Amino acid sequence: MPLDLTIVTPQGEAFRGPVESVVLPGEAGDFGVLPGHERLLAALREGSLEVRNPNAQRAEISEGFAEVSDDRVVVLVDRCSFEAS
């Protein structure tokens, strides 16, 4: 069962879709989220976010927050820019 990842900025949704996992730049270090992860609310630092799915993608994000709940990840940041593939 995939994770439902949503990345939201003040301009709207930067990403929404199913992913195998995501690696986030947490305040205390990078951490990965897989399906079945415990509920979590984490502060994020500026850095690289990695979306792992058949077409792996990387994005640069600003500081913000991530909420993990019920195989769903919501990332709230001021900026999110995906690298060109």
N, C-alpha and C. Protein backbone atom coordinates (compact mmCIF):
# COMPACT_ATOMS: atom_id res chain seq x y z
N MET A 1 0.85 -1.18 0.00
CA MET A 1 0.00 0.00 0.00
C MET A 1 0.89 1.24 0.00
N PRO A 2 0.72 2.14 -0.97
CA PRO A 2 1.57 3.33 -1.04
C PRO A 2 1.17 4.39 -0.03
N LEU A 3 2.09 5.33 0.16
CA LEU A 3 1.81 6.53 0.95
C LEU A 3 1.13 7.55 0.05
N ASP A 4 0.25 8.35 0.62
CA ASP A 4 -0.34 9.48 -0.09
C ASP A 4 0.43 10.71 0.36
N LEU A 5 1.26 11.28 -0.52
CA LEU A 5 2.09 12.44 -0.19
C LEU A 5 1.48 13.70 -0.79
N THR A 6 1.36 14.74 0.05
CA THR A 6 0.92 16.05 -0.40
C THR A 6 1.92 17.08 0.10
N ILE A 7 2.44 17.91 -0.81
CA ILE A 7 3.33 19.01 -0.44
C ILE A 7 2.58 20.29 -0.75
N VAL A 8 2.40 21.13 0.27
CA VAL A 8 1.62 22.36 0.13
C VAL A 8 2.50 23.58 0.41
N THR A 9 2.40 24.58 -0.47
CA THR A 9 3.07 25.87 -0.29
C THR A 9 1.98 26.94 -0.29
N PRO A 10 2.32 28.18 0.05
CA PRO A 10 1.31 29.25 -0.02
C PRO A 10 0.72 29.42 -1.43
N GLN A 11 1.44 28.99 -2.47
CA GLN A 11 0.96 29.11 -3.83
C GLN A 11 0.02 27.96 -4.23
N GLY A 12 -0.08 26.93 -3.39
CA GLY A 12 -0.93 25.78 -3.68
C GLY A 12 -0.17 24.48 -3.55
N GLU A 13 -0.74 23.41 -4.10
CA GLU A 13 -0.09 22.10 -4.01
C GLU A 13 1.08 22.02 -4.99
N ALA A 14 2.25 21.67 -4.46
CA ALA A 14 3.44 21.48 -5.29
C ALA A 14 3.55 20.03 -5.74
N PHE A 15 2.93 19.12 -4.98
CA PHE A 15 2.95 17.70 -5.32
C PHE A 15 1.80 17.02 -4.61
N ARG A 16 1.19 16.07 -5.30
CA ARG A 16 0.17 15.22 -4.67
C ARG A 16 0.15 13.90 -5.42
N GLY A 17 0.28 12.80 -4.67
CA GLY A 17 0.20 11.51 -5.32
C GLY A 17 0.73 10.39 -4.45
N PRO A 18 0.56 9.16 -4.94
CA PRO A 18 1.04 8.00 -4.20
C PRO A 18 2.55 7.83 -4.40
N VAL A 19 3.24 7.47 -3.32
CA VAL A 19 4.69 7.23 -3.37
C VAL A 19 5.01 5.98 -2.55
N GLU A 20 6.15 5.37 -2.83
CA GLU A 20 6.59 4.21 -2.06
C GLU A 20 7.13 4.64 -0.70
N SER A 21 7.87 5.76 -0.68
CA SER A 21 8.41 6.32 0.56
C SER A 21 8.86 7.74 0.29
N VAL A 22 9.18 8.45 1.37
CA VAL A 22 9.69 9.81 1.24
C VAL A 22 10.76 10.00 2.32
N VAL A 23 11.82 10.73 1.98
CA VAL A 23 12.87 11.07 2.93
C VAL A 23 12.81 12.58 3.13
N LEU A 24 12.68 13.00 4.39
CA LEU A 24 12.48 14.41 4.73
C LEU A 24 13.66 14.95 5.54
N PRO A 25 13.98 16.24 5.37
CA PRO A 25 15.07 16.85 6.14
C PRO A 25 14.55 17.37 7.49
N GLY A 26 14.55 16.53 8.49
CA GLY A 26 14.06 16.93 9.81
C GLY A 26 15.05 17.81 10.55
N GLU A 27 14.57 18.54 11.54
CA GLU A 27 15.43 19.39 12.36
C GLU A 27 16.56 18.60 13.01
N ALA A 28 16.29 17.35 13.40
CA ALA A 28 17.29 16.51 14.08
C ALA A 28 18.00 15.58 13.10
N GLY A 29 17.78 15.75 11.80
CA GLY A 29 18.40 14.89 10.79
C GLY A 29 17.37 14.34 9.84
N ASP A 30 17.84 13.81 8.73
CA ASP A 30 16.94 13.24 7.72
C ASP A 30 16.22 12.02 8.29
N PHE A 31 14.97 11.83 7.87
CA PHE A 31 14.23 10.64 8.28
C PHE A 31 13.34 10.18 7.14
N GLY A 32 13.17 8.87 7.07
CA GLY A 32 12.34 8.28 6.03
C GLY A 32 10.98 7.88 6.57
N VAL A 33 10.00 7.91 5.69
CA VAL A 33 8.64 7.50 6.03
C VAL A 33 8.21 6.43 5.04
N LEU A 34 7.81 5.29 5.57
CA LEU A 34 7.29 4.18 4.79
C LEU A 34 5.83 3.95 5.17
N PRO A 35 5.09 3.22 4.36
CA PRO A 35 3.71 2.89 4.76
C PRO A 35 3.70 2.22 6.14
N GLY A 36 2.72 2.57 6.96
CA GLY A 36 2.61 2.00 8.30
C GLY A 36 3.39 2.76 9.36
N HIS A 37 4.00 3.89 8.99
CA HIS A 37 4.79 4.68 9.94
C HIS A 37 3.90 5.18 11.09
N GLU A 38 4.48 5.30 12.27
CA GLU A 38 3.77 5.88 13.42
C GLU A 38 3.35 7.31 13.12
N ARG A 39 2.29 7.75 13.79
CA ARG A 39 1.87 9.16 13.67
C ARG A 39 3.01 10.05 14.13
N LEU A 40 3.17 11.18 13.45
CA LEU A 40 4.32 12.03 13.72
C LEU A 40 4.03 13.44 13.24
N LEU A 41 4.47 14.41 14.01
CA LEU A 41 4.49 15.81 13.59
C LEU A 41 5.92 16.27 13.78
N ALA A 42 6.57 16.70 12.70
CA ALA A 42 7.99 17.02 12.77
C ALA A 42 8.28 18.37 12.12
N ALA A 43 9.20 19.11 12.75
CA ALA A 43 9.71 20.34 12.14
C ALA A 43 10.73 19.95 11.08
N LEU A 44 10.70 20.66 9.96
CA LEU A 44 11.63 20.41 8.86
C LEU A 44 12.58 21.58 8.71
N ARG A 45 13.82 21.27 8.36
CA ARG A 45 14.79 22.32 8.06
C ARG A 45 14.86 22.48 6.53
N GLU A 46 15.46 23.55 6.09
CA GLU A 46 15.67 23.74 4.66
C GLU A 46 16.59 22.63 4.15
N GLY A 47 16.26 22.05 3.02
CA GLY A 47 17.10 20.99 2.48
C GLY A 47 16.41 20.21 1.38
N SER A 48 16.91 19.00 1.15
CA SER A 48 16.40 18.15 0.07
C SER A 48 15.38 17.15 0.58
N LEU A 49 14.29 17.04 -0.14
CA LEU A 49 13.24 16.06 0.11
C LEU A 49 13.34 15.06 -1.03
N GLU A 50 13.32 13.76 -0.72
CA GLU A 50 13.42 12.75 -1.76
C GLU A 50 12.14 11.93 -1.80
N VAL A 51 11.50 11.93 -2.96
CA VAL A 51 10.30 11.14 -3.19
C VAL A 51 10.75 9.85 -3.87
N ARG A 52 10.44 8.72 -3.26
CA ARG A 52 10.83 7.45 -3.85
C ARG A 52 9.59 6.75 -4.40
N ASN A 53 9.56 6.67 -5.69
CA ASN A 53 8.53 5.94 -6.44
C ASN A 53 9.20 5.45 -7.71
N PRO A 54 8.51 4.85 -8.64
CA PRO A 54 9.21 4.38 -9.83
C PRO A 54 10.04 5.46 -10.53
N ASN A 55 9.59 6.70 -10.46
CA ASN A 55 10.36 7.84 -11.00
C ASN A 55 10.84 8.69 -9.84
N ALA A 56 11.94 8.30 -9.21
CA ALA A 56 12.45 9.02 -8.03
C ALA A 56 12.65 10.49 -8.37
N GLN A 57 12.26 11.34 -7.42
CA GLN A 57 12.36 12.78 -7.61
C GLN A 57 12.97 13.41 -6.36
N ARG A 58 13.62 14.54 -6.56
CA ARG A 58 14.22 15.28 -5.46
C ARG A 58 13.73 16.73 -5.55
N ALA A 59 13.46 17.32 -4.39
CA ALA A 59 13.03 18.71 -4.36
C ALA A 59 13.77 19.45 -3.25
N GLU A 60 13.99 20.71 -3.47
CA GLU A 60 14.55 21.58 -2.43
C GLU A 60 13.38 22.28 -1.75
N ILE A 61 13.35 22.20 -0.42
CA ILE A 61 12.25 22.81 0.33
C ILE A 61 12.80 23.79 1.37
N SER A 62 11.93 24.70 1.79
CA SER A 62 12.25 25.62 2.88
C SER A 62 11.89 24.95 4.20
N GLU A 63 12.12 25.65 5.29
CA GLU A 63 11.70 25.15 6.59
C GLU A 63 10.19 24.97 6.59
N GLY A 64 9.71 24.08 7.43
CA GLY A 64 8.28 23.86 7.52
C GLY A 64 7.96 22.73 8.47
N PHE A 65 6.88 22.03 8.18
CA PHE A 65 6.41 20.95 9.04
C PHE A 65 5.92 19.78 8.19
N ALA A 66 5.99 18.58 8.78
CA ALA A 66 5.44 17.38 8.15
C ALA A 66 4.55 16.69 9.16
N GLU A 67 3.39 16.24 8.68
CA GLU A 67 2.47 15.45 9.50
C GLU A 67 2.31 14.09 8.84
N VAL A 68 2.55 13.03 9.62
CA VAL A 68 2.39 11.66 9.14
C VAL A 68 1.24 11.04 9.90
N SER A 69 0.28 10.49 9.17
CA SER A 69 -0.89 9.88 9.80
C SER A 69 -1.59 8.96 8.82
N ASP A 70 -1.82 7.72 9.23
CA ASP A 70 -2.61 6.77 8.42
C ASP A 70 -2.14 6.66 6.97
N ASP A 71 -0.87 6.36 6.76
CA ASP A 71 -0.30 6.21 5.42
C ASP A 71 -0.48 7.47 4.57
N ARG A 72 -0.48 8.61 5.25
CA ARG A 72 -0.62 9.90 4.58
C ARG A 72 0.45 10.83 5.13
N VAL A 73 1.12 11.56 4.25
CA VAL A 73 2.14 12.53 4.65
C VAL A 73 1.76 13.87 4.05
N VAL A 74 1.65 14.88 4.90
CA VAL A 74 1.38 16.25 4.45
C VAL A 74 2.58 17.10 4.85
N VAL A 75 3.19 17.75 3.86
CA VAL A 75 4.34 18.61 4.09
C VAL A 75 3.89 20.05 3.83
N LEU A 76 4.11 20.92 4.81
CA LEU A 76 3.74 22.34 4.70
C LEU A 76 5.03 23.16 4.70
N VAL A 77 5.32 23.83 3.59
CA VAL A 77 6.54 24.62 3.45
C VAL A 77 6.24 25.90 2.68
N ASP A 78 7.13 26.90 2.79
CA ASP A 78 6.96 28.14 2.02
C ASP A 78 7.40 27.96 0.58
N ARG A 79 8.45 27.12 0.36
CA ARG A 79 8.97 26.92 -0.99
C ARG A 79 9.23 25.44 -1.24
N CYS A 80 8.99 25.04 -2.48
CA CYS A 80 9.29 23.67 -2.93
C CYS A 80 9.58 23.73 -4.41
N SER A 81 10.79 23.33 -4.79
CA SER A 81 11.12 23.30 -6.22
C SER A 81 11.76 21.96 -6.55
N PHE A 82 11.13 21.24 -7.49
CA PHE A 82 11.63 19.94 -7.91
C PHE A 82 12.76 20.13 -8.91
N GLU A 83 13.77 19.25 -8.80
CA GLU A 83 14.88 19.27 -9.74
C GLU A 83 14.41 18.70 -11.07
N ALA A 84 14.93 19.22 -12.14
CA ALA A 84 14.59 18.70 -13.47
C ALA A 84 15.15 17.30 -13.62
N SER A 85 14.38 16.41 -14.23
CA SER A 85 14.81 15.03 -14.43
C SER A 85 15.71 14.90 -15.62
